[in-house]
Amino acid sequence: MLDTLKKINSTSAFNRWAGFEVTHADSGVAELTLAFREADMAQYAGFLHAGMIGALLDTACGFAAGTVAGNVLASHFSVNCLAPAVGEVFIAKGRVVKAGKKQVFARAELFAHSGDQLKLVATGDAILVPVE
């Protein structure tokens, strides 16, 4: 599964530009990492931009869902920013909450890694629809 998600990840121009790396995949779960680049990922105060937060959470949910349902598209997505996203590396962990025939419910958490500290900075929930 890991190789499959890495291959899918490499086909996305946005994911390549951002530097998303798929680091773990198993049935119903996926993990991504992103090395922070202040020059083009920071918002006005220097934190990871909320757009990047959303993209990481959405991708982690989608990849987790893809491990059980094949190709999927998001039909609904929400983000909760819990703390300023300050870190050297960001880790998004997605997991399937429930997979049905027509919808897959997934949840993801985003952690900021800085030095030896790991801090939860955002969560996201997605409803994904399997597509041909």
N, C-alpha and C. Protein backbone atom coordinates (compact mmCIF):
# COMPACT_ATOMS: atom_id res chain seq x y z
N MET A 1 0.80 -1.20 0.00
CA MET A 1 0.00 0.00 0.00
C MET A 1 0.84 1.27 0.00
N LEU A 2 1.94 1.24 0.74
CA LEU A 2 2.79 2.42 0.82
C LEU A 2 3.30 2.80 -0.57
N ASP A 3 3.78 1.83 -1.34
CA ASP A 3 4.29 2.13 -2.68
C ASP A 3 3.20 2.69 -3.58
N THR A 4 1.99 2.15 -3.47
CA THR A 4 0.87 2.64 -4.27
C THR A 4 0.57 4.09 -3.95
N LEU A 5 0.49 4.43 -2.65
CA LEU A 5 0.20 5.82 -2.28
C LEU A 5 1.34 6.75 -2.66
N LYS A 6 2.58 6.28 -2.56
CA LYS A 6 3.71 7.11 -2.99
C LYS A 6 3.61 7.42 -4.48
N LYS A 7 3.20 6.43 -5.26
CA LYS A 7 3.06 6.62 -6.70
C LYS A 7 1.93 7.61 -6.99
N ILE A 8 0.80 7.45 -6.32
CA ILE A 8 -0.32 8.38 -6.50
C ILE A 8 0.10 9.79 -6.09
N ASN A 9 0.78 9.92 -4.98
CA ASN A 9 1.25 11.22 -4.49
C ASN A 9 2.14 11.91 -5.52
N SER A 10 2.98 11.13 -6.18
CA SER A 10 3.92 11.71 -7.15
C SER A 10 3.22 12.22 -8.40
N THR A 11 1.96 11.84 -8.64
CA THR A 11 1.24 12.32 -9.82
C THR A 11 0.58 13.67 -9.59
N SER A 12 0.55 14.15 -8.36
CA SER A 12 -0.08 15.43 -8.04
C SER A 12 0.95 16.55 -8.08
N ALA A 13 0.76 17.48 -9.00
CA ALA A 13 1.69 18.61 -9.11
C ALA A 13 1.73 19.42 -7.81
N PHE A 14 0.57 19.62 -7.19
CA PHE A 14 0.54 20.37 -5.93
C PHE A 14 1.34 19.64 -4.84
N ASN A 15 1.11 18.34 -4.69
CA ASN A 15 1.81 17.58 -3.66
C ASN A 15 3.32 17.59 -3.89
N ARG A 16 3.74 17.51 -5.17
CA ARG A 16 5.18 17.56 -5.47
C ARG A 16 5.74 18.93 -5.10
N TRP A 17 5.03 20.01 -5.49
CA TRP A 17 5.51 21.36 -5.17
C TRP A 17 5.63 21.53 -3.66
N ALA A 18 4.59 21.11 -2.94
CA ALA A 18 4.57 21.29 -1.49
C ALA A 18 5.62 20.43 -0.80
N GLY A 19 5.90 19.28 -1.37
CA GLY A 19 6.85 18.37 -0.75
C GLY A 19 6.20 17.35 0.17
N PHE A 20 4.93 17.04 -0.07
CA PHE A 20 4.26 16.00 0.72
C PHE A 20 4.99 14.68 0.50
N GLU A 21 5.28 13.98 1.58
CA GLU A 21 5.87 12.65 1.50
C GLU A 21 4.97 11.67 2.24
N VAL A 22 4.64 10.56 1.58
CA VAL A 22 3.86 9.52 2.24
C VAL A 22 4.85 8.65 3.00
N THR A 23 4.70 8.60 4.32
CA THR A 23 5.66 7.87 5.15
C THR A 23 5.13 6.58 5.73
N HIS A 24 3.80 6.41 5.72
CA HIS A 24 3.21 5.19 6.25
C HIS A 24 1.84 4.98 5.61
N ALA A 25 1.52 3.73 5.35
CA ALA A 25 0.19 3.38 4.84
C ALA A 25 -0.11 1.95 5.21
N ASP A 26 -1.33 1.73 5.63
CA ASP A 26 -1.83 0.40 5.94
C ASP A 26 -3.34 0.47 5.71
N SER A 27 -4.03 -0.62 5.88
CA SER A 27 -5.46 -0.62 5.64
C SER A 27 -6.16 0.39 6.56
N GLY A 28 -6.74 1.44 5.96
CA GLY A 28 -7.48 2.43 6.72
C GLY A 28 -6.66 3.54 7.34
N VAL A 29 -5.35 3.56 7.10
CA VAL A 29 -4.52 4.62 7.66
C VAL A 29 -3.48 5.10 6.65
N ALA A 30 -3.10 6.37 6.79
CA ALA A 30 -2.04 6.95 5.98
C ALA A 30 -1.37 8.06 6.77
N GLU A 31 -0.08 8.25 6.53
CA GLU A 31 0.67 9.30 7.21
C GLU A 31 1.51 10.05 6.19
N LEU A 32 1.50 11.38 6.31
CA LEU A 32 2.27 12.25 5.42
C LEU A 32 3.17 13.14 6.25
N THR A 33 4.27 13.56 5.65
CA THR A 33 5.10 14.57 6.29
C THR A 33 5.34 15.71 5.31
N LEU A 34 5.63 16.87 5.87
CA LEU A 34 5.93 18.06 5.10
C LEU A 34 7.00 18.85 5.83
N ALA A 35 8.10 19.14 5.14
CA ALA A 35 9.14 20.00 5.70
C ALA A 35 8.72 21.45 5.45
N PHE A 36 8.66 22.24 6.51
CA PHE A 36 8.21 23.63 6.44
C PHE A 36 9.21 24.49 5.68
N ARG A 37 8.67 25.31 4.76
CA ARG A 37 9.47 26.30 4.03
C ARG A 37 8.83 27.67 4.29
N GLU A 38 9.45 28.45 5.14
CA GLU A 38 8.87 29.74 5.51
C GLU A 38 8.69 30.65 4.30
N ALA A 39 9.59 30.59 3.34
CA ALA A 39 9.55 31.49 2.19
C ALA A 39 8.26 31.39 1.38
N ASP A 40 7.64 30.21 1.32
CA ASP A 40 6.44 30.10 0.49
C ASP A 40 5.30 29.29 1.12
N MET A 41 5.38 29.01 2.42
CA MET A 41 4.31 28.28 3.09
C MET A 41 3.75 29.01 4.30
N ALA A 42 4.39 30.10 4.69
CA ALA A 42 3.99 30.80 5.91
C ALA A 42 2.92 31.84 5.63
N GLN A 43 2.06 32.05 6.63
CA GLN A 43 1.13 33.17 6.56
C GLN A 43 1.84 34.39 7.15
N TYR A 44 1.14 35.49 7.31
CA TYR A 44 1.75 36.77 7.68
C TYR A 44 2.53 36.76 8.99
N ALA A 45 2.19 35.88 9.95
CA ALA A 45 2.88 35.83 11.24
C ALA A 45 3.97 34.75 11.27
N GLY A 46 4.16 34.05 10.16
CA GLY A 46 5.22 33.05 10.09
C GLY A 46 4.80 31.63 10.38
N PHE A 47 3.51 31.40 10.65
CA PHE A 47 3.01 30.04 10.90
C PHE A 47 2.68 29.37 9.57
N LEU A 48 2.55 28.05 9.58
CA LEU A 48 2.11 27.33 8.39
C LEU A 48 0.73 27.85 8.01
N HIS A 49 0.56 28.20 6.76
CA HIS A 49 -0.69 28.77 6.27
C HIS A 49 -1.83 27.76 6.40
N ALA A 50 -3.02 28.26 6.75
CA ALA A 50 -4.18 27.39 6.93
C ALA A 50 -4.52 26.62 5.66
N GLY A 51 -4.23 27.18 4.50
CA GLY A 51 -4.45 26.47 3.25
C GLY A 51 -3.60 25.21 3.16
N MET A 52 -2.37 25.31 3.64
CA MET A 52 -1.49 24.14 3.67
C MET A 52 -1.96 23.13 4.72
N ILE A 53 -2.44 23.65 5.84
CA ILE A 53 -2.99 22.77 6.88
C ILE A 53 -4.14 21.96 6.29
N GLY A 54 -5.06 22.65 5.62
CA GLY A 54 -6.20 21.98 5.01
C GLY A 54 -5.77 20.96 3.97
N ALA A 55 -4.79 21.33 3.16
CA ALA A 55 -4.33 20.41 2.11
C ALA A 55 -3.72 19.15 2.72
N LEU A 56 -2.95 19.29 3.78
CA LEU A 56 -2.36 18.12 4.44
C LEU A 56 -3.43 17.22 5.04
N LEU A 57 -4.39 17.81 5.73
CA LEU A 57 -5.44 17.02 6.36
C LEU A 57 -6.32 16.34 5.31
N ASP A 58 -6.67 17.07 4.26
CA ASP A 58 -7.49 16.52 3.18
C ASP A 58 -6.77 15.35 2.51
N THR A 59 -5.50 15.50 2.24
CA THR A 59 -4.74 14.44 1.58
C THR A 59 -4.59 13.23 2.48
N ALA A 60 -4.34 13.44 3.76
CA ALA A 60 -4.22 12.31 4.70
C ALA A 60 -5.53 11.54 4.78
N CYS A 61 -6.66 12.26 4.83
CA CYS A 61 -7.97 11.59 4.85
C CYS A 61 -8.19 10.83 3.55
N GLY A 62 -7.91 11.47 2.43
CA GLY A 62 -8.12 10.85 1.14
C GLY A 62 -7.27 9.61 0.93
N PHE A 63 -6.01 9.69 1.33
CA PHE A 63 -5.13 8.54 1.17
C PHE A 63 -5.54 7.40 2.10
N ALA A 64 -5.95 7.73 3.33
CA ALA A 64 -6.43 6.68 4.24
C ALA A 64 -7.66 6.00 3.65
N ALA A 65 -8.59 6.80 3.13
CA ALA A 65 -9.79 6.24 2.51
C ALA A 65 -9.45 5.41 1.29
N GLY A 66 -8.48 5.86 0.53
CA GLY A 66 -8.07 5.14 -0.67
C GLY A 66 -7.53 3.75 -0.39
N THR A 67 -7.01 3.54 0.81
CA THR A 67 -6.48 2.20 1.14
C THR A 67 -7.58 1.16 1.29
N VAL A 68 -8.82 1.63 1.51
CA VAL A 68 -9.93 0.68 1.66
C VAL A 68 -10.98 0.79 0.56
N ALA A 69 -10.99 1.91 -0.17
CA ALA A 69 -12.05 2.13 -1.15
C ALA A 69 -11.56 2.43 -2.56
N GLY A 70 -10.26 2.40 -2.79
CA GLY A 70 -9.75 2.76 -4.11
C GLY A 70 -9.79 4.27 -4.31
N ASN A 71 -9.99 4.70 -5.55
CA ASN A 71 -10.02 6.13 -5.86
C ASN A 71 -11.21 6.80 -5.20
N VAL A 72 -10.96 7.93 -4.54
CA VAL A 72 -12.01 8.67 -3.85
C VAL A 72 -11.89 10.17 -4.14
N LEU A 73 -13.01 10.85 -3.96
CA LEU A 73 -13.05 12.31 -4.00
C LEU A 73 -13.75 12.80 -2.75
N ALA A 74 -13.31 13.93 -2.23
CA ALA A 74 -13.97 14.50 -1.05
C ALA A 74 -15.28 15.15 -1.45
N SER A 75 -16.34 14.85 -0.69
CA SER A 75 -17.61 15.54 -0.90
C SER A 75 -17.86 16.55 0.22
N HIS A 76 -17.17 16.40 1.33
CA HIS A 76 -17.26 17.36 2.43
C HIS A 76 -15.94 17.28 3.20
N PHE A 77 -15.50 18.46 3.69
CA PHE A 77 -14.26 18.50 4.44
C PHE A 77 -14.32 19.65 5.42
N SER A 78 -13.85 19.41 6.65
CA SER A 78 -13.79 20.49 7.65
C SER A 78 -12.45 20.46 8.36
N VAL A 79 -12.03 21.63 8.80
CA VAL A 79 -10.74 21.79 9.48
C VAL A 79 -10.95 22.52 10.80
N ASN A 80 -10.25 22.06 11.82
CA ASN A 80 -10.24 22.73 13.11
C ASN A 80 -8.79 23.09 13.43
N CYS A 81 -8.49 24.38 13.47
CA CYS A 81 -7.14 24.83 13.84
C CYS A 81 -7.12 25.00 15.36
N LEU A 82 -6.25 24.25 16.01
CA LEU A 82 -6.22 24.21 17.47
C LEU A 82 -5.14 25.08 18.09
N ALA A 83 -4.05 25.28 17.35
CA ALA A 83 -2.91 26.05 17.86
C ALA A 83 -2.12 26.57 16.67
N PRO A 84 -1.32 27.64 16.87
CA PRO A 84 -0.49 28.11 15.76
C PRO A 84 0.39 26.96 15.25
N ALA A 85 0.42 26.82 13.94
CA ALA A 85 1.19 25.73 13.32
C ALA A 85 2.63 26.17 13.15
N VAL A 86 3.42 25.95 14.20
CA VAL A 86 4.82 26.32 14.22
C VAL A 86 5.63 25.04 14.35
N GLY A 87 6.50 24.78 13.38
CA GLY A 87 7.32 23.58 13.43
C GLY A 87 8.26 23.50 12.26
N GLU A 88 9.19 22.57 12.36
CA GLU A 88 10.15 22.33 11.29
C GLU A 88 9.58 21.32 10.30
N VAL A 89 8.84 20.36 10.82
CA VAL A 89 8.21 19.31 10.01
C VAL A 89 6.80 19.14 10.52
N PHE A 90 5.88 18.89 9.59
CA PHE A 90 4.49 18.64 9.95
C PHE A 90 4.13 17.21 9.57
N ILE A 91 3.39 16.55 10.45
CA ILE A 91 3.02 15.15 10.26
C ILE A 91 1.49 15.07 10.30
N ALA A 92 0.92 14.58 9.20
CA ALA A 92 -0.54 14.41 9.11
C ALA A 92 -0.84 12.92 9.18
N LYS A 93 -1.69 12.54 10.12
CA LYS A 93 -2.07 11.14 10.30
C LYS A 93 -3.56 10.99 10.02
N GLY A 94 -3.89 10.26 8.97
CA GLY A 94 -5.28 10.05 8.59
C GLY A 94 -5.72 8.63 8.89
N ARG A 95 -7.02 8.49 9.21
CA ARG A 95 -7.56 7.15 9.46
C ARG A 95 -9.03 7.12 9.06
N VAL A 96 -9.45 5.95 8.62
CA VAL A 96 -10.85 5.75 8.26
C VAL A 96 -11.64 5.53 9.53
N VAL A 97 -12.72 6.25 9.68
CA VAL A 97 -13.62 6.09 10.82
C VAL A 97 -14.67 5.03 10.48
N LYS A 98 -15.23 5.12 9.26
CA LYS A 98 -16.20 4.13 8.80
C LYS A 98 -16.21 4.14 7.28
N ALA A 99 -16.12 2.96 6.70
CA ALA A 99 -16.16 2.84 5.25
C ALA A 99 -17.44 2.12 4.84
N GLY A 100 -18.24 2.79 4.03
CA GLY A 100 -19.43 2.18 3.47
C GLY A 100 -19.26 2.01 1.97
N LYS A 101 -20.29 1.57 1.30
CA LYS A 101 -20.21 1.36 -0.15
C LYS A 101 -20.20 2.68 -0.92
N LYS A 102 -20.92 3.68 -0.39
CA LYS A 102 -21.06 4.95 -1.12
C LYS A 102 -20.31 6.10 -0.49
N GLN A 103 -19.92 5.96 0.78
CA GLN A 103 -19.20 7.03 1.47
C GLN A 103 -18.16 6.43 2.41
N VAL A 104 -17.07 7.17 2.57
CA VAL A 104 -16.05 6.81 3.54
C VAL A 104 -15.85 8.01 4.45
N PHE A 105 -15.97 7.78 5.74
CA PHE A 105 -15.75 8.84 6.72
C PHE A 105 -14.33 8.70 7.25
N ALA A 106 -13.57 9.80 7.21
CA ALA A 106 -12.17 9.77 7.64
C ALA A 106 -11.87 10.96 8.53
N ARG A 107 -10.86 10.80 9.34
CA ARG A 107 -10.42 11.85 10.27
C ARG A 107 -8.89 11.93 10.20
N ALA A 108 -8.36 13.14 10.37
CA ALA A 108 -6.91 13.31 10.37
C ALA A 108 -6.49 14.29 11.46
N GLU A 109 -5.27 14.11 11.91
CA GLU A 109 -4.67 15.02 12.89
C GLU A 109 -3.36 15.53 12.31
N LEU A 110 -3.07 16.80 12.56
CA LEU A 110 -1.82 17.40 12.10
C LEU A 110 -0.98 17.78 13.30
N PHE A 111 0.25 17.29 13.30
CA PHE A 111 1.19 17.57 14.37
C PHE A 111 2.34 18.41 13.85
N ALA A 112 2.80 19.35 14.67
CA ALA A 112 4.00 20.14 14.37
C ALA A 112 5.15 19.53 15.16
N HIS A 113 6.23 19.22 14.45
CA HIS A 113 7.42 18.65 15.09
C HIS A 113 8.50 19.72 15.08
N SER A 114 9.02 20.02 16.26
CA SER A 114 10.07 21.01 16.40
C SER A 114 11.01 20.55 17.50
N GLY A 115 12.27 20.35 17.15
CA GLY A 115 13.22 19.82 18.13
C GLY A 115 12.79 18.44 18.56
N ASP A 116 12.54 18.27 19.85
CA ASP A 116 12.06 16.96 20.34
C ASP A 116 10.58 17.02 20.75
N GLN A 117 9.89 18.09 20.34
CA GLN A 117 8.48 18.24 20.71
C GLN A 117 7.55 17.97 19.53
N LEU A 118 6.44 17.32 19.83
CA LEU A 118 5.39 17.03 18.86
C LEU A 118 4.10 17.62 19.43
N LYS A 119 3.48 18.55 18.67
CA LYS A 119 2.30 19.24 19.17
C LYS A 119 1.16 19.12 18.18
N LEU A 120 -0.03 18.75 18.67
CA LEU A 120 -1.23 18.69 17.85
C LEU A 120 -1.66 20.13 17.53
N VAL A 121 -1.75 20.47 16.23
CA VAL A 121 -2.09 21.83 15.85
C VAL A 121 -3.41 21.94 15.09
N ALA A 122 -3.89 20.82 14.50
CA ALA A 122 -5.15 20.88 13.75
C ALA A 122 -5.73 19.48 13.58
N THR A 123 -7.05 19.45 13.36
CA THR A 123 -7.72 18.21 13.02
C THR A 123 -8.62 18.46 11.81
N GLY A 124 -8.99 17.38 11.14
CA GLY A 124 -9.89 17.50 10.01
C GLY A 124 -10.75 16.27 9.88
N ASP A 125 -11.94 16.46 9.34
CA ASP A 125 -12.86 15.36 9.07
C ASP A 125 -13.28 15.46 7.61
N ALA A 126 -13.43 14.30 6.96
CA ALA A 126 -13.80 14.30 5.55
C ALA A 126 -14.81 13.19 5.28
N ILE A 127 -15.70 13.47 4.35
CA ILE A 127 -16.55 12.45 3.77
C ILE A 127 -16.07 12.29 2.33
N LEU A 128 -15.71 11.07 1.98
CA LEU A 128 -15.17 10.81 0.66
C LEU A 128 -16.06 9.84 -0.09
N VAL A 129 -16.10 9.99 -1.39
CA VAL A 129 -16.95 9.19 -2.24
C VAL A 129 -16.08 8.37 -3.20
N PRO A 130 -16.24 7.05 -3.21
CA PRO A 130 -15.48 6.24 -4.18
C PRO A 130 -15.88 6.61 -5.61
N VAL A 131 -14.90 6.69 -6.51
CA VAL A 131 -15.13 7.01 -7.92
C VAL A 131 -14.44 5.98 -8.80
N GLU A 132 -14.92 5.85 -10.01
CA GLU A 132 -14.31 4.91 -10.97
C GLU A 132 -13.06 5.52 -11.56
